[in-house]
C-alpha atoms as a PDB file:
ATOM      1  CA  MET A   1       0.000   0.000   0.000  1.00  0.00           C
ATOM      2  CA  GLN A   2       1.384   3.390  -0.923  1.00  0.00           C
ATOM      3  CA  VAL A   3       1.187   6.378   1.418  1.00  0.00           C
ATOM      4  CA  GLN A   4      -1.827   7.842  -0.370  1.00  0.00           C
ATOM      5  CA  ALA A   5      -3.654   4.506  -0.185  1.00  0.00           C
ATOM      6  CA  ILE A   6      -2.883   4.252   3.546  1.00  0.00           C
ATOM      7  CA  ILE A   7      -4.178   7.776   4.164  1.00  0.00           C
ATOM      8  CA  SER A   8      -7.319   7.042   2.168  1.00  0.00           C
ATOM      9  CA  ARG A   9      -7.983   3.792   4.057  1.00  0.00           C
ATOM     10  CA  VAL A  10      -7.374   5.494   7.430  1.00  0.00           C
ATOM     11  CA  GLN A  11      -9.823   8.264   6.535  1.00  0.00           C
ATOM     12  CA  GLN A  12     -12.404   5.741   5.400  1.00  0.00           C
ATOM     13  CA  LEU A  13     -12.054   3.640   8.566  1.00  0.00           C
ATOM     14  CA  LEU A  14     -12.282   6.677  10.829  1.00  0.00           C
ATOM     15  CA  LEU A  15     -15.053   8.541   9.000  1.00  0.00           C
ATOM     16  CA  ASN A  16     -17.125   5.772   7.403  1.00  0.00           C
ATOM     17  CA  PRO A  17     -16.240   2.483   9.103  1.00  0.00           C
ATOM     18  CA  LYS A  18     -19.205   0.483   7.789  1.00  0.00           C
ATOM     19  CA  ALA A  19     -18.258   1.173   4.173  1.00  0.00           C
ATOM     20  CA  ALA A  20     -14.579   0.557   4.936  1.00  0.00           C
ATOM     21  CA  TRP A  21     -15.281  -2.837   6.506  1.00  0.00           C
ATOM     22  CA  ALA A  22     -17.546  -3.803   3.605  1.00  0.00           C
ATOM     23  CA  GLN A  23     -14.680  -3.092   1.204  1.00  0.00           C
ATOM     24  CA  ILE A  24     -12.113  -4.862   3.418  1.00  0.00           C
ATOM     25  CA  ASP A  25     -14.392  -7.919   3.530  1.00  0.00           C
ATOM     26  CA  THR A  26     -14.032  -8.416  -0.229  1.00  0.00           C
ATOM     27  CA  GLU A  27     -10.272  -7.875  -0.451  1.00  0.00           C
ATOM     28  CA  ALA A  28      -7.922 -10.798  -0.909  1.00  0.00           C
ATOM     29  CA  VAL A  29      -4.786  -9.870   0.994  1.00  0.00           C
ATOM     30  CA  SER A  30      -2.201 -12.045   2.716  1.00  0.00           C
ATOM     31  CA  VAL A  31      -0.983 -11.786   6.288  1.00  0.00           C
ATOM     32  CA  GLN A  32       2.468 -10.829   5.008  1.00  0.00           C
ATOM     33  CA  ASP A  33       1.078  -8.069   2.793  1.00  0.00           C
ATOM     34  CA  LEU A  34      -0.948  -6.614   5.665  1.00  0.00           C
ATOM     35  CA  TYR A  35       2.116  -6.625   7.903  1.00  0.00           C
ATOM     36  CA  LYS A  36       4.257  -4.898   5.284  1.00  0.00           C
ATOM     37  CA  SER A  37       1.790  -2.387   3.912  1.00  0.00           C
ATOM     38  CA  TRP A  38      -0.471  -1.594   6.879  1.00  0.00           C
ATOM     39  CA  ILE A  39       0.493  -2.897  10.307  1.00  0.00           C
ATOM     40  CA  ALA A  40       4.239  -2.159  10.296  1.00  0.00           C
ATOM     41  CA  PRO A  41       3.963   1.516   9.276  1.00  0.00           C
ATOM     42  CA  LEU A  42       0.956   2.360  11.446  1.00  0.00           C
ATOM     43  CA  ALA A  43       2.127   0.492  14.555  1.00  0.00           C
ATOM     44  CA  ALA A  44       5.348   2.511  14.340  1.00  0.00           C
ATOM     45  CA  ILE A  45       3.493   5.781  14.980  1.00  0.00           C
ATOM     46  CA  PRO A  46       2.903   5.365  18.733  1.00  0.00           C
ATOM     47  CA  ALA A  47       6.263   3.638  19.238  1.00  0.00           C
ATOM     48  CA  VAL A  48       8.240   6.465  17.627  1.00  0.00           C
ATOM     49  CA  ALA A  49       6.052   9.201  19.155  1.00  0.00           C
ATOM     50  CA  THR A  50       6.514   7.723  22.628  1.00  0.00           C
ATOM     51  CA  PHE A  51      10.286   7.620  22.152  1.00  0.00           C
ATOM     52  CA  VAL A  52      10.396  11.230  20.980  1.00  0.00           C
ATOM     53  CA  GLY A  53       8.015  12.403  23.692  1.00  0.00           C
ATOM     54  CA  PHE A  54       9.489  10.624  26.676  1.00  0.00           C
ATOM     55  CA  SER A  55      13.184  10.398  25.742  1.00  0.00           C
ATOM     56  CA  LEU A  56      13.831  13.515  23.682  1.00  0.00           C
ATOM     57  CA  LEU A  57      11.266  16.008  24.957  1.00  0.00           C
ATOM     58  CA  GLY A  58      10.453  14.595  28.367  1.00  0.00           C
ATOM     59  CA  LEU A  59       7.748  15.532  30.825  1.00  0.00           C
ATOM     60  CA  GLY A  60       8.984  18.555  32.725  1.00  0.00           C
ATOM     61  CA  LEU A  61      12.254  17.473  34.319  1.00  0.00           C
ATOM     62  CA  PHE A  62      11.534  13.791  33.828  1.00  0.00           C
ATOM     63  CA  ARG A  63      12.991  12.088  30.795  1.00  0.00           C
ATOM     64  CA  MET A  64      13.723   8.508  29.862  1.00  0.00           C
ATOM     65  CA  PRO A  65      17.387   7.973  28.910  1.00  0.00           C
ATOM     66  CA  LEU A  66      17.948   7.548  25.171  1.00  0.00           C
ATOM     67  CA  VAL A  67      19.112   3.925  25.313  1.00  0.00           C
ATOM     68  CA  SER A  68      16.153   2.940  27.497  1.00  0.00           C
ATOM     69  CA  GLY A  69      13.817   4.906  25.249  1.00  0.00           C
ATOM     70  CA  LEU A  70      15.147   3.181  22.138  1.00  0.00           C
ATOM     71  CA  ALA A  71      14.826  -0.212  23.799  1.00  0.00           C
ATOM     72  CA  GLN A  72      11.265   0.584  24.883  1.00  0.00           C
ATOM     73  CA  MET A  73      10.414   1.709  21.351  1.00  0.00           C
ATOM     74  CA  VAL A  74      11.737  -1.506  19.801  1.00  0.00           C
ATOM     75  CA  VAL A  75      10.158  -3.813  22.396  1.00  0.00           C
ATOM     76  CA  GLY A  76       6.831  -1.948  22.345  1.00  0.00           C
ATOM     77  CA  TYR A  77       6.761  -2.016  18.553  1.00  0.00           C
ATOM     78  CA  ALA A  78       7.593  -5.734  18.393  1.00  0.00           C
ATOM     79  CA  LEU A  79       4.907  -6.515  20.974  1.00  0.00           C
ATOM     80  CA  SER A  80       2.368  -4.478  18.987  1.00  0.00           C
ATOM     81  CA  LEU A  81       3.162  -6.506  15.880  1.00  0.00           C
ATOM     82  CA  ALA A  82       2.833  -9.741  17.833  1.00  0.00           C
ATOM     83  CA  ALA A  83      -0.426  -8.573  19.455  1.00  0.00           C
ATOM     84  CA  VAL A  84      -2.108  -8.253  16.054  1.00  0.00           C
ATOM     85  CA  TYR A  85      -1.310 -11.861  15.220  1.00  0.00           C
ATOM     86  CA  LEU A  86      -2.357 -13.069  18.676  1.00  0.00           C
ATOM     87  CA  PHE A  87      -5.625 -11.157  18.446  1.00  0.00           C
ATOM     88  CA  ALA A  88      -6.336 -12.727  15.042  1.00  0.00           C
ATOM     89  CA  LEU A  89      -5.785 -16.169  16.547  1.00  0.00           C
ATOM     90  CA  ILE A  90      -8.230 -15.320  19.360  1.00  0.00           C
ATOM     91  CA  ILE A  91     -10.888 -14.016  16.963  1.00  0.00           C
ATOM     92  CA  ASP A  92     -10.540 -17.091  14.784  1.00  0.00           C
ATOM     93  CA  TYR A  93     -10.594 -19.448  17.782  1.00  0.00           C
ATOM     94  CA  LEU A  94     -13.760 -17.851  19.200  1.00  0.00           C
ATOM     95  CA  ALA A  95     -15.593 -17.853  15.850  1.00  0.00           C
ATOM     96  CA  PRO A  96     -17.209 -21.324  15.939  1.00  0.00           C
ATOM     97  CA  GLN A  97     -18.275 -20.838  19.550  1.00  0.00           C
ATOM     98  CA  PHE A  98     -20.462 -17.948  18.384  1.00  0.00           C
ATOM     99  CA  GLY A  99     -21.670 -19.515  15.145  1.00  0.00           C
ATOM    100  CA  ALA A 100     -19.273 -17.481  12.997  1.00  0.00           C
ATOM    101  CA  GLN A 101     -17.132 -18.735  10.142  1.00  0.00           C
ATOM    102  CA  LYS A 102     -13.673 -19.916  11.157  1.00  0.00           C
ATOM    103  CA  ASN A 103     -11.433 -18.088   8.698  1.00  0.00           C
ATOM    104  CA  PHE A 104      -7.990 -16.938   9.809  1.00  0.00           C
ATOM    105  CA  ASN A 105      -7.523 -14.515   6.891  1.00  0.00           C
ATOM    106  CA  GLN A 106     -10.755 -12.696   7.775  1.00  0.00           C
ATOM    107  CA  ALA A 107      -9.855 -12.758  11.485  1.00  0.00           C
ATOM    108  CA  PHE A 108      -6.443 -11.327  10.638  1.00  0.00           C
ATOM    109  CA  LYS A 109      -8.005  -8.485   8.656  1.00  0.00           C
ATOM    110  CA  VAL A 110     -10.170  -7.659  11.680  1.00  0.00           C
ATOM    111  CA  ALA A 111      -7.119  -7.721  13.954  1.00  0.00           C
ATOM    112  CA  ALA A 112      -5.041  -5.662  11.516  1.00  0.00           C
ATOM    113  CA  TYR A 113      -7.520  -2.853  10.899  1.00  0.00           C
ATOM    114  CA  THR A 114      -9.135  -2.609  14.347  1.00  0.00           C
ATOM    115  CA  PRO A 115      -6.240  -0.753  16.064  1.00  0.00           C
ATOM    116  CA  THR A 116      -6.059   1.905  13.339  1.00  0.00           C
ATOM    117  CA  ALA A 117      -7.550   4.690  15.473  1.00  0.00           C
ATOM    118  CA  ALA A 118      -5.305   3.811  18.430  1.00  0.00           C
ATOM    119  CA  TRP A 119      -2.213   3.824  16.223  1.00  0.00           C
ATOM    120  CA  ILE A 120      -3.093   7.174  14.660  1.00  0.00           C
ATOM    121  CA  ALA A 121      -3.931   8.709  18.057  1.00  0.00           C
ATOM    122  CA  GLY A 122      -0.540   7.456  19.266  1.00  0.00           C
ATOM    123  CA  ILE A 123       0.929  10.571  17.664  1.00  0.00           C
ATOM    124  CA  PHE A 124      -0.220  12.431  20.794  1.00  0.00           C
ATOM    125  CA  ASN A 125       2.484  10.558  22.741  1.00  0.00           C
ATOM    126  CA  ILE A 126       4.968  12.967  21.198  1.00  0.00           C
ATOM    127  CA  ILE A 127       3.800  15.484  23.820  1.00  0.00           C
ATOM    128  CA  PRO A 128       3.826  13.486  27.067  1.00  0.00           C
ATOM    129  CA  ALA A 129       1.206  15.723  28.693  1.00  0.00           C
ATOM    130  CA  LEU A 130      -1.197  14.828  25.855  1.00  0.00           C
ATOM    131  CA  ALA A 131      -0.473  11.081  25.866  1.00  0.00           C
ATOM    132  CA  ILE A 132      -3.740  10.474  27.722  1.00  0.00           C
ATOM    133  CA  VAL A 133      -5.591  11.738  24.616  1.00  0.00           C
ATOM    134  CA  SER A 134      -4.372   8.651  22.768  1.00  0.00           C
ATOM    135  CA  LEU A 135      -6.858   6.685  24.883  1.00  0.00           C
ATOM    136  CA  LEU A 136      -9.623   8.210  22.766  1.00  0.00           C
ATOM    137  CA  GLY A 137      -8.103   6.459  19.768  1.00  0.00           C
ATOM    138  CA  ALA A 138      -8.114   3.182  21.684  1.00  0.00           C
ATOM    139  CA  LEU A 139     -11.805   3.639  22.482  1.00  0.00           C
ATOM    140  CA  TYR A 140     -12.595   4.350  18.838  1.00  0.00           C
ATOM    141  CA  SER A 141     -10.647   1.230  17.895  1.00  0.00           C
ATOM    142  CA  LEU A 142     -13.048  -0.752  20.074  1.00  0.00           C
ATOM    143  CA  TYR A 143     -15.874   0.747  18.040  1.00  0.00           C
ATOM    144  CA  LEU A 144     -14.077  -0.295  14.835  1.00  0.00           C
ATOM    145  CA  LEU A 145     -13.973  -3.838  16.207  1.00  0.00           C
ATOM    146  CA  PHE A 146     -17.688  -3.664  17.060  1.00  0.00           C
ATOM    147  CA  VAL A 147     -18.473  -2.723  13.443  1.00  0.00           C
ATOM    148  CA  GLY A 148     -15.836  -4.837  11.682  1.00  0.00           C
ATOM    149  CA  LEU A 149     -15.946  -8.185  13.434  1.00  0.00           C
ATOM    150  CA  PRO A 150     -19.560  -9.001  12.497  1.00  0.00           C
ATOM    151  CA  ALA A 151     -18.989  -7.722   8.963  1.00  0.00           C
ATOM    152  CA  LEU A 152     -16.000  -9.990   8.337  1.00  0.00           C
ATOM    153  CA  MET A 153     -16.572 -13.027  10.551  1.00  0.00           C
ATOM    154  CA  LYS A 154     -20.308 -13.362   9.771  1.00  0.00           C
ATOM    155  CA  PRO A 155     -21.723 -14.542  13.114  1.00  0.00           C
ATOM    156  CA  PRO A 156     -25.489 -14.953  13.393  1.00  0.00           C
ATOM    157  CA  GLU A 157     -27.114 -11.646  14.257  1.00  0.00           C
ATOM    158  CA  ASP A 158     -28.217 -12.831  17.688  1.00  0.00           C
ATOM    159  CA  LYS A 159     -24.627 -13.821  18.633  1.00  0.00           C
ATOM    160  CA  ALA A 160     -22.718 -10.962  16.995  1.00  0.00           C
ATOM    161  CA  THR A 161     -22.772  -8.669  20.021  1.00  0.00           C
ATOM    162  CA  VAL A 162     -21.633 -11.355  22.463  1.00  0.00           C
ATOM    163  CA  TYR A 163     -18.880 -12.485  20.064  1.00  0.00           C
ATOM    164  CA  THR A 164     -17.723  -8.900  19.687  1.00  0.00           C
ATOM    165  CA  LEU A 165     -17.796  -8.286  23.456  1.00  0.00           C
ATOM    166  CA  ALA A 166     -15.801 -11.487  24.064  1.00  0.00           C
ATOM    167  CA  SER A 167     -13.260 -10.333  21.484  1.00  0.00           C
ATOM    168  CA  ILE A 168     -13.128  -6.848  23.026  1.00  0.00           C
ATOM    169  CA  GLY A 169     -12.463  -8.437  26.403  1.00  0.00           C
ATOM    170  CA  CYS A 170      -9.621 -10.450  24.918  1.00  0.00           C
ATOM    171  CA  ALA A 171      -8.238  -7.369  23.123  1.00  0.00           C
ATOM    172  CA  ILE A 172      -8.197  -5.422  26.375  1.00  0.00           C
ATOM    173  CA  VAL A 173      -6.413  -8.259  28.169  1.00  0.00           C
ATOM    174  CA  VAL A 174      -3.784  -8.499  25.401  1.00  0.00           C
ATOM    175  CA  GLU A 175      -3.158  -4.724  25.464  1.00  0.00           C
ATOM    176  CA  VAL A 176      -2.987  -4.581  29.274  1.00  0.00           C
ATOM    177  CA  VAL A 177      -0.451  -7.420  29.335  1.00  0.00           C
ATOM    178  CA  ILE A 178       1.664  -5.627  26.706  1.00  0.00           C
ATOM    179  CA  ALA A 179       1.465  -2.353  28.637  1.00  0.00           C
ATOM    180  CA  LEU A 180       2.474  -4.115  31.860  1.00  0.00           C
ATOM    181  CA  VAL A 181       5.414  -5.862  30.198  1.00  0.00           C
ATOM    182  CA  VAL A 182       6.685  -2.629  28.666  1.00  0.00           C
ATOM    183  CA  SER A 183       6.157  -0.608  31.857  1.00  0.00           C
ATOM    184  CA  ARG A 184       7.842  -3.241  34.050  1.00  0.00           C
ATOM    185  CA  LEU A 185      10.850  -3.268  31.787  1.00  0.00           C
ATOM    186  CA  PHE A 186      11.278   0.464  31.348  1.00  0.00           C
ATOM    187  CA  VAL A 187       9.560   2.648  33.952  1.00  0.00           C
ATOM    188  CA  PRO A 188      12.490   2.362  36.401  1.00  0.00           C
ATOM    189  CA  ALA A 189      14.699   3.873  33.675  1.00  0.00           C
ATOM    190  CA  ILE A 190      13.017   7.287  33.958  1.00  0.00           C
ATOM    191  CA  VAL A 191      15.334   9.727  35.668  1.00  0.00           C
ATOM    192  CA  VAL A 192      15.235  13.409  36.502  1.00  0.00           C
ATOM    193  CA  GLY A 193      17.073  15.587  33.989  1.00  0.00           C
ATOM    194  CA  ALA A 194      18.535  12.687  31.984  1.00  0.00           C
ATOM    195  CA  PRO A 195      19.950  13.732  28.609  1.00  0.00           C
END
């Protein structure tokens, strides 16, 4: 996907998610292609913004040392990439339990496009005082999942909401575990006035 195509898809997902998911449903795209053209560039936004915000700019007198910040960026980015795959496995695993089609490619598309709003809102991490605003992107990503999962996984209408809520619960658990791992590894590295 070229930059213009990424921007167009992001706009469509954020402004008209139902139409975006309907189009995504019909696309034949591999896991590798989604990683290269969509997930890798967008997942880098919060990772890089967090590094710049907390290691280069800092929060008042508090700043994460550069080496720790770089390590956090790399680990956080790698965990974000892994989380997409794990979430796709969860969506696919849950599918038959809610009468949906078991289809890993469709589940992977759901997992790949759902965090779009969170990744874009991750740009706010560049200003540590505004990092909390990125939570709004995470909330909108949950809405994208609510719209996209039934559209792609095709559960019966009466089970779609429960399937989506179960998937949301799993997504929250995955993200909390990632946040805990990253914070346990790197929060002690924050020092006052570090260059």
